[in-house]
Amino acid sequence: MNSVLPGATRTEALAAGQPPAVVTQIAAQNPLRRLGEPDDIADIVAFLASDAARSLTGQTVHAGGGLF
């Protein structure tokens, strides 16, 4: 079984739970200088579910853009 460990991702929950200045600060700390998008995580999950990842087992994919 594989898993995906997303970092700070732009979601309604993040927007509702944090002031905009905090969200901007989190994005600035990320080496990619942005928050992850839900599609970023979905692409990784789709890859892991595809035949292209058939040899990957027991892996955790860190999808935090380098922050985590």
Protein backbone atom coordinates (compact mmCIF):
# COMPACT_ATOMS: atom_id res chain seq x y z
CA MET A 1 0.00 0.00 0.00
CA ASN A 2 1.24 3.47 -0.89
CA SER A 3 0.23 6.78 0.63
CA VAL A 4 0.37 10.47 -0.20
CA LEU A 5 1.40 13.01 2.42
CA PRO A 6 0.22 16.40 1.15
CA GLY A 7 1.65 19.58 2.49
CA ALA A 8 -0.19 22.88 2.76
CA THR A 9 -2.82 22.70 0.05
CA ARG A 10 -5.15 25.46 -1.08
CA THR A 11 -8.54 24.22 0.12
CA GLU A 12 -11.68 25.79 1.56
CA ALA A 13 -10.67 24.48 4.98
CA LEU A 14 -7.29 26.24 4.82
CA ALA A 15 -8.88 29.50 3.66
CA ALA A 16 -11.54 29.35 6.39
CA GLY A 17 -9.10 28.38 9.12
CA GLN A 18 -6.26 30.82 8.55
CA PRO A 19 -6.02 34.57 7.99
CA PRO A 20 -4.83 35.49 4.46
CA ALA A 21 -1.52 36.78 5.83
CA VAL A 22 -0.78 33.38 7.38
CA VAL A 23 -1.61 31.58 4.13
CA THR A 24 0.72 33.96 2.26
CA GLN A 25 3.48 33.30 4.81
CA ILE A 26 3.08 29.52 4.46
CA ALA A 27 3.33 29.81 0.68
CA ALA A 28 6.46 32.00 0.97
CA GLN A 29 8.19 29.34 3.12
CA ASN A 30 7.63 26.67 0.48
CA PRO A 31 10.59 26.21 -1.90
CA LEU A 32 8.10 26.39 -4.80
CA ARG A 33 6.81 29.69 -3.37
CA ARG A 34 3.20 28.56 -3.60
CA LEU A 35 0.64 26.41 -1.86
CA GLY A 36 -0.19 23.07 -3.33
CA GLU A 37 -3.38 22.81 -5.33
CA PRO A 38 -5.88 19.97 -5.00
CA ASP A 39 -5.05 18.96 -8.59
CA ASP A 40 -1.39 18.52 -7.59
CA ILE A 41 -2.41 15.89 -5.06
CA ALA A 42 -4.96 14.32 -7.42
CA ASP A 43 -2.25 13.88 -10.08
CA ILE A 44 -0.04 11.98 -7.63
CA VAL A 45 -2.92 9.76 -6.52
CA ALA A 46 -3.81 9.07 -10.16
CA PHE A 47 -0.20 8.10 -10.85
CA LEU A 48 -0.11 5.74 -7.87
CA ALA A 49 -3.35 4.14 -9.05
CA SER A 50 -2.02 3.68 -12.59
CA ASP A 51 -0.03 0.84 -14.12
CA ALA A 52 2.98 3.16 -14.25
CA ALA A 53 3.32 2.76 -10.46
CA ARG A 54 2.80 -1.01 -10.43
CA SER A 55 6.24 -1.64 -8.91
CA LEU A 56 5.90 0.90 -6.10
CA THR A 57 4.89 -0.67 -2.82
CA GLY A 58 4.93 0.61 0.72
CA GLN A 59 5.91 4.15 -0.25
CA THR A 60 4.85 7.48 1.18
CA VAL A 61 5.00 10.22 -1.42
CA HIS A 62 5.69 13.58 0.23
CA ALA A 63 3.73 16.13 -1.77
CA GLY A 64 4.56 19.28 0.14
CA GLY A 65 6.54 21.06 -2.55
CA GLY A 66 9.70 20.61 -0.49
CA LEU A 67 8.41 22.26 2.68
CA PHE A 68 7.77 19.05 4.65
